[in-house]
Amino acid sequence: MIDDAGAVILREVVSRAARAIADGSAHSRLDEDLVKAGLPPSTSGETKAQRGASSAAAVPDEQLREVAVGLVQRNCGLHMIDRMTVQDLVWADEHPPPIPKRTRRDLARALPGWILVDHAQRFHNLLATLFDLGRGGLFFGFEDTSLSGQIDQHFYRNDDWTVEQLFDELGAVDQASDRRFALFLEGMVSGETVPDEDAQRRLVDAINPPLAGIGLELRETGSTDGYPTFHLVATGSRTGRPKQLIFASPRKPDLRLIDVIDSDVEVVDATGEVLVYDRPIGPAGLRWRDLQSWWSDTRQVEDDHQAKRELYQRLGSSVPQGSRHQLLLFRLYHDIYRAALQELPALLPEVWRHWDPKTVKARGKDALVQFRMDFLLLAPAGARIVLEVDGQTHYASEREAADGQRRWLPDGNEYARTVAASRDLSLAGYEVYRFGTNELHDEGQARPLVTAFFDDLFRRHHIVLPR
């Protein structure tokens, strides 16, 4: 969520854009031009500048972010520096993984600059979308002293700028936000910028070693127009983003494949006991505010407080009856981080991973290990985090003891199934953390443990707690 200081900056940007639109318009069509740009019509003023200022002033504080983003998307009345300001404020709200200055400089030194020079025009187009190339744009005679002109002269033609110096001149090392730098890397190795697969892979091979030191990598995730596409993800995370999530149901969902070729799954559930989230999940992961927005839209709940309360109750009710330790973990997460919850990963209970039309009895117990996760968090950079609460069924079985009484006794086979499930998830790219029920015996004991765990987990995934 953008803080008060960010809101002041957005207000200034919107005001400058409104004045620029007013300057380029006529009195007769000014309100029409403002509305096309996503701004309200003017409310007062005799001059065009005054009318533009009144339009900007009429934007409510809660709509500043939406209006500013719309101005960027429509390219309406914003200088490049203002476009970058809006983008960086919005991207910071998504908590992208940090890329330190040293890593950026190491990347610049490792890059084969000749590949970028060989595709100069396409590379320049990329730079123009991410950086202000017009600064210093004065002309003396025939010399273009803008940054764009300097790059053309010193990097493309004269070859007296290294890639590191280019990065410095762009502000890519010291000034670019983490998300901007990530987009710079992804764009640099795209087929749009470098339409040569061998050259793309050379760039990726040069970039990934420095990134490995901070737990990131450029990973091939698909193709566009016949060229491979690469995205910045956490090392060890799964490739790609979830297509859909089936969760909050302790009972086995009724599924059917409606298109086997495309693996399109339909949940046949007239009771509403199964939740299916099928919206795109962005680089910030799946946050509570994303989940609440989905709930509000699908349930047509307009009041935010009501939507939050309903969603919390619905998720909590899906925890299996009798799993009080699991329910305590769920409640503590939401209580400890109540003030920051909107920007944190949603804690999804009872998430289905495996699904088999046959029963455990028909298929065999070992064939359906880890078919459902206790909790799943989808964190930034593609990280998938599984939390499991292990009761005695994970390491013991009920059987006859030496005295003839039936008791829960240690069982190596049950424990083997538990650790095999963890291995399976880890090898599939999930992070797995297990809690013992003794750790969640009562709230007084569990609260400091749960707080310390999630604080450390957030730091590991560069999730900044909003102040």
Protein backbone atom coordinates (compact mmCIF):
# COMPACT_ATOMS: atom_id res chain seq x y z
CA MET A 1 0.00 0.00 0.00
CA ILE A 2 1.41 3.41 -0.99
CA ASP A 3 2.20 5.47 2.13
CA ASP A 4 1.43 9.13 2.79
CA ALA A 5 4.71 10.33 1.28
CA GLY A 6 4.02 8.30 -1.86
CA ALA A 7 0.51 9.73 -2.06
CA VAL A 8 1.92 13.27 -1.98
CA ILE A 9 4.25 12.40 -4.85
CA LEU A 10 1.42 10.85 -6.86
CA ARG A 11 -0.70 13.95 -6.29
CA GLU A 12 2.09 16.13 -7.72
CA VAL A 13 2.50 13.84 -10.74
CA VAL A 14 -1.24 13.84 -11.45
CA SER A 15 -1.31 17.64 -11.14
CA ARG A 16 1.52 18.06 -13.65
CA ALA A 17 -0.17 15.68 -16.06
CA ALA A 18 -3.49 17.53 -15.79
CA ARG A 19 -1.78 20.86 -16.49
CA ALA A 20 0.04 19.37 -19.50
CA ILE A 21 -3.24 18.01 -20.90
CA ALA A 22 -4.85 21.41 -20.35
CA ASP A 23 -2.00 23.22 -22.12
CA GLY A 24 -2.42 21.02 -25.19
CA SER A 25 -6.19 21.29 -25.33
CA ALA A 26 -8.81 23.91 -26.12
CA HIS A 27 -11.36 25.24 -23.65
CA SER A 28 -14.17 23.64 -25.62
CA ARG A 29 -12.82 20.11 -25.44
CA LEU A 30 -10.72 20.28 -22.25
CA ASP A 31 -13.11 18.31 -20.06
CA GLU A 32 -13.43 15.64 -22.74
CA ASP A 33 -9.63 15.31 -22.96
CA LEU A 34 -9.32 15.10 -19.17
CA VAL A 35 -11.91 12.34 -18.96
CA LYS A 36 -10.21 10.39 -21.76
CA ALA A 37 -7.04 10.49 -19.68
CA GLY A 38 -8.88 9.06 -16.68
CA LEU A 39 -9.18 12.37 -14.82
CA PRO A 40 -12.40 14.00 -13.59
CA PRO A 41 -13.74 17.01 -15.50
CA SER A 42 -12.68 20.43 -14.27
CA THR A 43 -14.67 21.98 -11.44
CA SER A 44 -13.55 25.61 -11.58
CA GLY A 45 -11.12 28.10 -13.12
CA GLU A 46 -11.08 30.62 -15.92
CA THR A 47 -7.79 29.69 -17.57
CA LYS A 48 -6.96 26.25 -18.95
CA ALA A 49 -4.23 25.85 -16.34
CA GLN A 50 -6.69 26.59 -13.53
CA ARG A 51 -9.21 24.13 -14.94
CA GLY A 52 -6.54 21.43 -15.21
CA ALA A 53 -5.49 22.06 -11.61
CA SER A 54 -9.11 21.78 -10.43
CA SER A 55 -9.43 18.44 -12.20
CA ALA A 56 -6.35 17.05 -10.44
CA ALA A 57 -7.54 18.39 -7.08
CA ALA A 58 -10.86 16.57 -7.53
CA VAL A 59 -9.18 13.14 -7.60
CA PRO A 60 -9.92 11.45 -4.23
CA ASP A 61 -6.91 10.20 -2.28
CA GLU A 62 -8.06 6.57 -2.54
CA GLN A 63 -8.13 6.83 -6.36
CA LEU A 64 -4.72 8.50 -6.82
CA ARG A 65 -2.91 5.23 -7.51
CA GLU A 66 -5.48 4.08 -10.08
CA VAL A 67 -5.54 7.46 -11.86
CA ALA A 68 -1.73 7.75 -11.95
CA VAL A 69 -1.34 4.22 -13.31
CA GLY A 70 -3.97 5.01 -15.96
CA LEU A 71 -2.01 8.09 -17.04
CA VAL A 72 1.09 5.94 -17.48
CA GLN A 73 -0.78 3.27 -19.43
CA ARG A 74 -2.44 5.82 -21.72
CA ASN A 75 0.77 7.88 -22.02
CA CYS A 76 -1.21 11.02 -21.21
CA GLY A 77 0.61 14.20 -20.28
CA LEU A 78 3.49 12.59 -18.36
CA HIS A 79 7.18 13.26 -18.82
CA MET A 80 9.38 10.17 -18.65
CA ILE A 81 10.64 11.04 -15.18
CA ASP A 82 7.05 11.18 -13.90
CA ARG A 83 6.22 7.88 -15.61
CA MET A 84 9.18 6.31 -13.86
CA THR A 85 8.13 7.79 -10.52
CA VAL A 86 4.65 6.30 -10.77
CA GLN A 87 5.97 2.93 -11.90
CA ASP A 88 8.51 2.74 -9.07
CA LEU A 89 5.90 3.59 -6.42
CA VAL A 90 3.56 0.90 -7.74
CA TRP A 91 6.34 -1.67 -8.12
CA ALA A 92 7.62 -1.03 -4.59
CA ASP A 93 4.12 -1.92 -3.44
CA GLU A 94 4.72 -5.41 -4.88
CA HIS A 95 7.88 -6.02 -2.81
CA PRO A 96 10.16 -7.22 -5.66
CA PRO A 97 13.31 -9.13 -4.63
CA PRO A 98 16.21 -6.73 -4.04
CA ILE A 99 19.16 -6.70 -6.44
CA PRO A 100 22.14 -5.07 -4.66
CA LYS A 101 24.40 -2.54 -6.36
CA ARG A 102 27.38 -4.90 -6.29
CA THR A 103 25.41 -7.58 -8.11
CA ARG A 104 24.31 -5.05 -10.73
CA ARG A 105 27.89 -3.94 -11.28
CA ASP A 106 29.10 -7.53 -11.50
CA LEU A 107 26.41 -8.19 -14.09
CA ALA A 108 27.50 -5.21 -16.17
CA ARG A 109 31.11 -6.39 -16.13
CA ALA A 110 30.08 -9.90 -17.16
CA LEU A 111 27.80 -8.94 -20.06
CA PRO A 112 29.09 -9.36 -23.64
CA GLY A 113 28.36 -5.83 -24.83
CA TRP A 114 28.88 -6.65 -28.48
CA ILE A 115 25.60 -8.57 -28.53
CA LEU A 116 23.74 -5.43 -27.45
CA VAL A 117 25.61 -3.33 -30.01
CA ASP A 118 24.75 -5.83 -32.74
CA HIS A 119 21.07 -5.21 -31.92
CA ALA A 120 21.49 -1.50 -31.19
CA GLN A 121 18.12 -0.20 -32.36
CA ARG A 122 16.12 -2.86 -30.58
CA PHE A 123 18.20 -2.47 -27.43
CA HIS A 124 17.73 1.30 -27.61
CA ASN A 125 13.96 0.83 -27.84
CA LEU A 126 14.12 -1.19 -24.62
CA LEU A 127 16.15 1.52 -22.88
CA ALA A 128 13.62 4.16 -23.94
CA THR A 129 10.79 2.27 -22.21
CA LEU A 130 12.64 2.03 -18.88
CA PHE A 131 14.97 5.05 -18.57
CA ASP A 132 14.89 8.80 -19.21
CA LEU A 133 17.06 9.10 -22.31
CA GLY A 134 16.08 12.70 -22.99
CA ARG A 135 17.87 14.33 -20.08
CA GLY A 136 20.58 16.76 -21.09
CA GLY A 137 18.96 17.00 -24.50
CA LEU A 138 20.58 20.21 -25.75
CA PHE A 139 21.95 20.58 -29.21
CA PHE A 140 25.12 22.48 -30.05
CA GLY A 141 25.59 22.52 -33.76
CA PHE A 142 25.12 18.94 -34.87
CA GLU A 143 25.97 17.33 -31.52
CA ASP A 144 23.16 15.63 -29.62
CA THR A 145 24.06 15.96 -25.93
CA SER A 146 21.04 14.06 -24.63
CA LEU A 147 21.68 10.74 -22.94
CA SER A 148 20.24 9.06 -26.02
CA GLY A 149 22.75 10.84 -28.23
CA GLN A 150 25.62 10.06 -25.86
CA ILE A 151 24.75 6.36 -25.88
CA ASP A 152 24.60 6.35 -29.64
CA GLN A 153 28.01 8.01 -29.90
CA HIS A 154 29.95 6.32 -27.11
CA PHE A 155 28.40 2.87 -26.82
CA TYR A 156 27.11 1.98 -30.29
CA ARG A 157 29.47 3.86 -32.64
CA ASN A 158 32.75 4.73 -30.93
CA ASP A 159 32.82 1.80 -28.52
CA ASP A 160 34.51 3.87 -25.80
CA TRP A 161 31.85 3.12 -23.14
CA THR A 162 31.93 -0.23 -21.41
CA VAL A 163 28.66 -1.91 -20.42
CA GLU A 164 29.43 -0.89 -16.85
CA GLN A 165 29.73 2.76 -17.86
CA LEU A 166 26.48 2.47 -19.82
CA PHE A 167 24.78 1.14 -16.68
CA ASP A 168 26.19 4.06 -14.67
CA GLU A 169 25.00 6.65 -17.17
CA LEU A 170 21.52 5.11 -17.24
CA GLY A 171 21.37 5.07 -13.45
CA ALA A 172 20.82 1.32 -13.61
CA VAL A 173 23.29 0.62 -10.80
CA ASP A 174 22.57 3.36 -8.26
CA GLN A 175 19.10 4.68 -9.07
CA ALA A 176 16.90 2.10 -10.82
CA SER A 177 14.37 0.36 -8.60
CA ASP A 178 14.66 -3.40 -8.14
CA ARG A 179 11.65 -4.07 -10.36
CA ARG A 180 12.94 -1.73 -13.09
CA PHE A 181 16.29 -3.49 -13.07
CA ALA A 182 14.59 -6.89 -13.25
CA LEU A 183 12.54 -5.73 -16.26
CA PHE A 184 15.76 -4.41 -17.79
CA LEU A 185 17.35 -7.86 -17.53
CA GLU A 186 14.27 -9.70 -18.79
CA GLY A 187 13.90 -7.28 -21.69
CA MET A 188 17.58 -7.48 -22.56
CA VAL A 189 17.41 -11.25 -23.10
CA SER A 190 14.03 -11.25 -24.85
CA GLY A 191 13.54 -12.19 -28.49
CA GLU A 192 12.08 -8.73 -29.04
CA THR A 193 15.44 -7.15 -28.18
CA VAL A 194 17.78 -9.91 -29.36
CA PRO A 195 16.11 -12.00 -32.11
CA ASP A 196 18.88 -14.61 -32.02
CA GLU A 197 18.44 -17.58 -29.69
CA ASP A 198 22.17 -18.31 -29.38
CA ALA A 199 22.80 -14.69 -28.43
CA GLN A 200 19.91 -14.76 -25.96
CA ARG A 201 21.40 -17.76 -24.22
CA ARG A 202 24.89 -16.20 -24.17
CA LEU A 203 23.43 -13.22 -22.31
CA VAL A 204 21.56 -15.44 -19.85
CA ASP A 205 24.70 -17.51 -19.22
CA ALA A 206 26.59 -14.30 -18.41
CA ILE A 207 23.86 -12.88 -16.16
CA ASN A 208 22.99 -15.91 -14.05
CA PRO A 209 26.30 -16.47 -12.19
CA PRO A 210 26.20 -13.04 -10.47
CA LEU A 211 22.48 -13.50 -9.75
CA ALA A 212 23.11 -16.90 -8.13
CA GLY A 213 24.84 -15.16 -5.23
CA ILE A 214 21.56 -13.47 -4.23
CA GLY A 215 19.31 -16.49 -4.83
CA LEU A 216 17.87 -15.39 -8.19
CA GLU A 217 18.13 -16.57 -11.77
CA LEU A 218 16.82 -15.87 -15.25
CA ARG A 219 14.86 -18.99 -16.05
CA GLU A 220 13.36 -20.07 -19.35
CA THR A 221 9.59 -20.10 -18.85
CA GLY A 222 8.19 -20.47 -22.38
CA SER A 223 8.47 -18.95 -25.83
CA THR A 224 7.17 -15.94 -27.74
CA ASP A 225 7.16 -15.79 -31.53
CA GLY A 226 9.52 -18.77 -31.61
CA TYR A 227 12.10 -17.27 -29.22
CA PRO A 228 12.62 -18.43 -25.62
CA THR A 229 11.34 -16.16 -22.87
CA PHE A 230 13.14 -15.73 -19.56
CA HIS A 231 11.85 -14.43 -16.24
CA LEU A 232 13.63 -13.52 -13.03
CA VAL A 233 12.70 -16.04 -10.34
CA ALA A 234 14.02 -17.31 -7.04
CA THR A 235 16.58 -20.08 -7.39
CA GLY A 236 14.93 -23.43 -6.76
CA SER A 237 11.36 -22.14 -7.19
CA ARG A 238 8.99 -23.81 -9.61
CA THR A 239 8.94 -22.65 -13.22
CA GLY A 240 5.79 -20.88 -14.23
CA ARG A 241 2.89 -19.51 -12.25
CA PRO A 242 -0.08 -21.47 -10.93
CA LYS A 243 -2.90 -21.86 -13.43
CA GLN A 244 -5.50 -22.32 -10.72
CA LEU A 245 -5.73 -23.07 -7.02
CA ILE A 246 -8.25 -25.49 -5.52
CA PHE A 247 -8.31 -24.93 -1.78
CA ALA A 248 -10.25 -24.48 1.45
CA SER A 249 -11.90 -27.89 1.19
CA PRO A 250 -11.02 -30.74 3.56
CA ARG A 251 -13.12 -33.13 1.49
CA LYS A 252 -12.06 -34.48 -1.85
CA PRO A 253 -13.30 -32.11 -4.59
CA ASP A 254 -15.41 -33.38 -7.46
CA LEU A 255 -13.34 -32.64 -10.58
CA ARG A 256 -13.59 -33.35 -14.26
CA LEU A 257 -11.37 -32.60 -17.24
CA ILE A 258 -13.33 -30.49 -19.70
CA ASP A 259 -10.42 -30.39 -22.17
CA VAL A 260 -7.83 -33.12 -21.75
CA ILE A 261 -5.53 -31.64 -24.40
CA ASP A 262 -5.24 -28.30 -22.58
CA SER A 263 -5.57 -29.83 -19.08
CA ASP A 264 -8.56 -27.61 -18.30
CA VAL A 265 -10.11 -28.68 -15.02
CA GLU A 266 -13.64 -27.93 -13.85
CA VAL A 267 -14.71 -28.21 -10.22
CA VAL A 268 -18.20 -29.66 -10.02
CA ASP A 269 -19.38 -28.31 -6.69
CA ALA A 270 -22.95 -27.20 -6.14
CA THR A 271 -22.41 -26.77 -2.38
CA GLY A 272 -19.77 -24.04 -2.56
CA GLU A 273 -17.49 -26.03 -0.26
CA VAL A 274 -14.56 -25.82 -2.69
CA LEU A 275 -12.83 -22.55 -3.58
CA VAL A 276 -11.12 -22.12 -6.96
CA TYR A 277 -8.83 -19.15 -7.59
CA ASP A 278 -8.12 -18.85 -11.32
CA ARG A 279 -6.90 -15.26 -11.70
CA PRO A 280 -3.36 -14.53 -12.95
CA ILE A 281 -0.78 -14.47 -10.16
CA GLY A 282 1.84 -11.77 -10.67
CA PRO A 283 5.47 -11.40 -9.54
CA ALA A 284 4.35 -10.31 -6.07
CA GLY A 285 2.71 -13.69 -5.48
CA LEU A 286 -0.82 -14.05 -4.11
CA ARG A 287 -1.39 -11.44 -1.41
CA TRP A 288 -4.34 -11.20 0.93
CA ARG A 289 -5.58 -8.11 -0.91
CA ASP A 290 -5.58 -10.06 -4.19
CA LEU A 291 -7.57 -12.86 -2.56
CA GLN A 292 -9.97 -10.42 -0.91
CA SER A 293 -10.52 -8.60 -4.20
CA TRP A 294 -11.35 -11.94 -5.86
CA TRP A 295 -13.74 -12.79 -3.03
CA SER A 296 -15.45 -9.39 -3.27
CA ASP A 297 -15.91 -9.70 -7.01
CA THR A 298 -17.09 -13.31 -7.10
CA ARG A 299 -19.38 -12.91 -4.07
CA GLN A 300 -20.45 -9.36 -5.00
CA VAL A 301 -19.51 -7.98 -1.60
CA GLU A 302 -18.95 -4.23 -1.83
CA ASP A 303 -17.99 -3.51 1.78
CA ASP A 304 -14.26 -4.19 2.35
CA HIS A 305 -14.64 -5.01 6.04
CA GLN A 306 -17.44 -7.45 5.32
CA ALA A 307 -15.42 -9.12 2.56
CA LYS A 308 -12.39 -9.46 4.83
CA ARG A 309 -14.47 -10.94 7.65
CA GLU A 310 -16.32 -13.37 5.38
CA LEU A 311 -13.14 -14.57 3.69
CA TYR A 312 -11.34 -15.11 7.00
CA GLN A 313 -14.26 -17.07 8.40
CA ARG A 314 -14.60 -19.14 5.23
CA LEU A 315 -10.91 -20.08 5.19
CA GLY A 316 -10.87 -20.89 8.89
CA SER A 317 -13.92 -23.10 8.59
CA SER A 318 -12.13 -25.27 6.02
CA VAL A 319 -9.51 -26.44 8.52
CA PRO A 320 -10.51 -30.04 9.38
CA GLN A 321 -12.48 -30.46 12.58
CA GLY A 322 -10.25 -31.69 15.34
CA SER A 323 -7.13 -30.04 13.88
CA ARG A 324 -6.91 -27.43 16.61
CA HIS A 325 -3.15 -27.03 16.23
CA GLN A 326 -3.55 -26.27 12.54
CA LEU A 327 -6.35 -23.83 13.33
CA LEU A 328 -4.18 -22.09 15.93
CA LEU A 329 -1.43 -21.54 13.35
CA PHE A 330 -4.01 -20.06 10.97
CA ARG A 331 -5.44 -17.73 13.63
CA LEU A 332 -2.05 -16.59 14.91
CA TYR A 333 -0.85 -15.64 11.42
CA HIS A 334 -3.83 -13.36 10.93
CA ASP A 335 -3.70 -11.93 14.43
CA ILE A 336 0.05 -11.24 14.58
CA TYR A 337 0.15 -9.58 11.17
CA ARG A 338 -3.32 -8.05 11.21
CA ALA A 339 -2.12 -4.50 10.44
CA ALA A 340 0.07 -5.61 7.53
CA LEU A 341 -2.07 -8.46 6.20
CA GLN A 342 -3.23 -6.79 2.98
CA GLU A 343 0.30 -6.79 1.54
CA LEU A 344 1.40 -10.20 2.86
CA PRO A 345 1.03 -13.58 1.13
CA ALA A 346 -2.39 -15.12 1.74
CA LEU A 347 -2.23 -18.20 3.95
CA LEU A 348 -4.25 -20.72 1.95
CA PRO A 349 -5.55 -23.73 3.92
CA GLU A 350 -6.25 -27.20 2.56
CA VAL A 351 -4.69 -26.76 -0.88
CA TRP A 352 -5.05 -29.72 -3.25
CA ARG A 353 -1.95 -30.79 -5.15
CA HIS A 354 -2.62 -34.39 -6.21
CA TRP A 355 -6.03 -35.59 -7.27
CA ASP A 356 -6.98 -39.13 -8.17
CA PRO A 357 -10.46 -40.36 -9.13
CA LYS A 358 -9.79 -43.58 -7.24
CA THR A 359 -9.84 -43.97 -3.48
CA VAL A 360 -6.90 -44.62 -1.19
CA LYS A 361 -8.22 -48.15 -0.74
CA ALA A 362 -8.21 -48.77 -4.50
CA ARG A 363 -4.94 -47.00 -5.30
CA GLY A 364 -2.92 -47.79 -2.21
CA LYS A 365 -1.93 -45.45 0.60
CA ASP A 366 1.58 -44.79 -0.67
CA ALA A 367 0.28 -43.67 -4.07
CA LEU A 368 -1.54 -40.66 -2.61
CA VAL A 369 1.09 -39.18 -0.31
CA GLN A 370 0.83 -35.40 0.13
CA PHE A 371 -2.31 -35.03 -1.99
CA ARG A 372 -3.34 -32.01 0.09
CA MET A 373 -1.24 -29.34 1.78
CA ASP A 374 -2.13 -27.95 5.20
CA PHE A 375 -1.16 -24.43 4.11
CA LEU A 376 0.36 -22.81 1.02
CA LEU A 377 1.79 -19.32 0.56
CA LEU A 378 2.66 -17.96 -2.89
CA ALA A 379 5.45 -15.46 -2.24
CA PRO A 380 7.27 -13.02 -4.58
CA ALA A 381 9.54 -14.29 -7.37
CA GLY A 382 7.57 -17.51 -7.84
CA ALA A 383 8.28 -19.01 -4.40
CA ARG A 384 5.80 -21.66 -3.21
CA ILE A 385 5.90 -22.25 0.55
CA VAL A 386 4.20 -25.22 2.19
CA LEU A 387 3.46 -25.36 5.92
CA GLU A 388 2.56 -28.70 7.48
CA VAL A 389 1.36 -29.36 11.01
CA ASP A 390 2.39 -32.89 11.98
CA GLY A 391 0.31 -34.79 14.48
CA GLN A 392 1.01 -38.31 15.67
CA THR A 393 -0.38 -39.85 12.47
CA HIS A 394 2.81 -38.62 10.76
CA TYR A 395 5.13 -40.71 12.90
CA ALA A 396 2.97 -43.27 14.71
CA SER A 397 0.10 -45.69 14.17
CA GLU A 398 -2.60 -47.07 16.39
CA ARG A 399 -2.00 -50.75 17.06
CA GLU A 400 -1.97 -53.34 19.78
CA ALA A 401 0.71 -52.87 22.41
CA ALA A 402 2.47 -55.60 24.37
CA ASP A 403 -0.20 -55.44 27.10
CA GLY A 404 -2.93 -56.10 24.57
CA GLN A 405 -4.27 -52.52 24.61
CA ARG A 406 -4.50 -50.44 21.43
CA ARG A 407 -2.22 -47.40 21.61
CA TRP A 408 -0.46 -44.92 19.35
CA LEU A 409 3.04 -46.30 18.94
CA PRO A 410 6.04 -45.06 16.93
CA ASP A 411 5.87 -46.35 13.37
CA GLY A 412 8.85 -46.13 11.04
CA ASN A 413 6.67 -46.65 7.97
CA GLU A 414 4.46 -43.66 8.80
CA TYR A 415 7.51 -41.47 9.41
CA ALA A 416 9.04 -42.66 6.13
CA ARG A 417 5.89 -41.60 4.28
CA THR A 418 6.09 -38.15 5.91
CA VAL A 419 9.71 -37.51 4.95
CA ALA A 420 9.13 -38.94 1.46
CA ALA A 421 6.33 -36.43 0.96
CA SER A 422 8.68 -33.61 2.03
CA ARG A 423 11.33 -34.76 -0.41
CA ASP A 424 8.77 -34.94 -3.19
CA LEU A 425 7.61 -31.38 -2.56
CA SER A 426 11.15 -30.02 -2.24
CA LEU A 427 12.26 -31.66 -5.48
CA ALA A 428 9.18 -30.19 -7.18
CA GLY A 429 10.35 -26.69 -6.22
CA TYR A 430 8.34 -26.09 -3.03
CA GLU A 431 9.79 -24.91 0.27
CA VAL A 432 8.47 -27.14 3.05
CA TYR A 433 8.34 -26.25 6.74
CA ARG A 434 6.90 -28.63 9.30
CA PHE A 435 5.48 -27.82 12.75
CA GLY A 436 4.98 -30.40 15.47
CA THR A 437 1.68 -30.26 17.36
CA ASN A 438 3.64 -29.91 20.62
CA GLU A 439 4.89 -26.54 19.32
CA LEU A 440 1.31 -25.38 18.84
CA HIS A 441 -0.08 -26.75 22.09
CA ASP A 442 -1.36 -23.39 23.38
CA GLU A 443 -1.36 -19.80 22.18
CA GLY A 444 1.00 -18.45 24.85
CA GLN A 445 3.68 -20.93 23.87
CA ALA A 446 3.05 -20.77 20.13
CA ARG A 447 2.80 -17.00 19.54
CA PRO A 448 6.52 -16.11 19.92
CA LEU A 449 7.54 -19.19 17.92
CA VAL A 450 5.12 -18.40 15.07
CA THR A 451 6.14 -14.72 15.08
CA ALA A 452 9.85 -15.53 14.88
CA PHE A 453 9.24 -18.07 12.11
CA PHE A 454 7.24 -15.77 9.85
CA ASP A 455 9.54 -12.79 10.50
CA ASP A 456 12.48 -14.92 9.35
CA LEU A 457 10.49 -16.30 6.41
CA PHE A 458 9.56 -12.80 5.24
CA ARG A 459 13.18 -11.67 5.44
CA ARG A 460 14.29 -14.72 3.46
CA HIS A 461 11.86 -13.81 0.67
CA HIS A 462 12.48 -10.05 0.85
CA ILE A 463 8.92 -9.36 1.98
CA VAL A 464 8.91 -6.00 3.73
CA LEU A 465 6.34 -5.58 6.49
CA PRO A 466 4.41 -2.32 5.88
CA ARG A 467 4.90 0.19 8.65
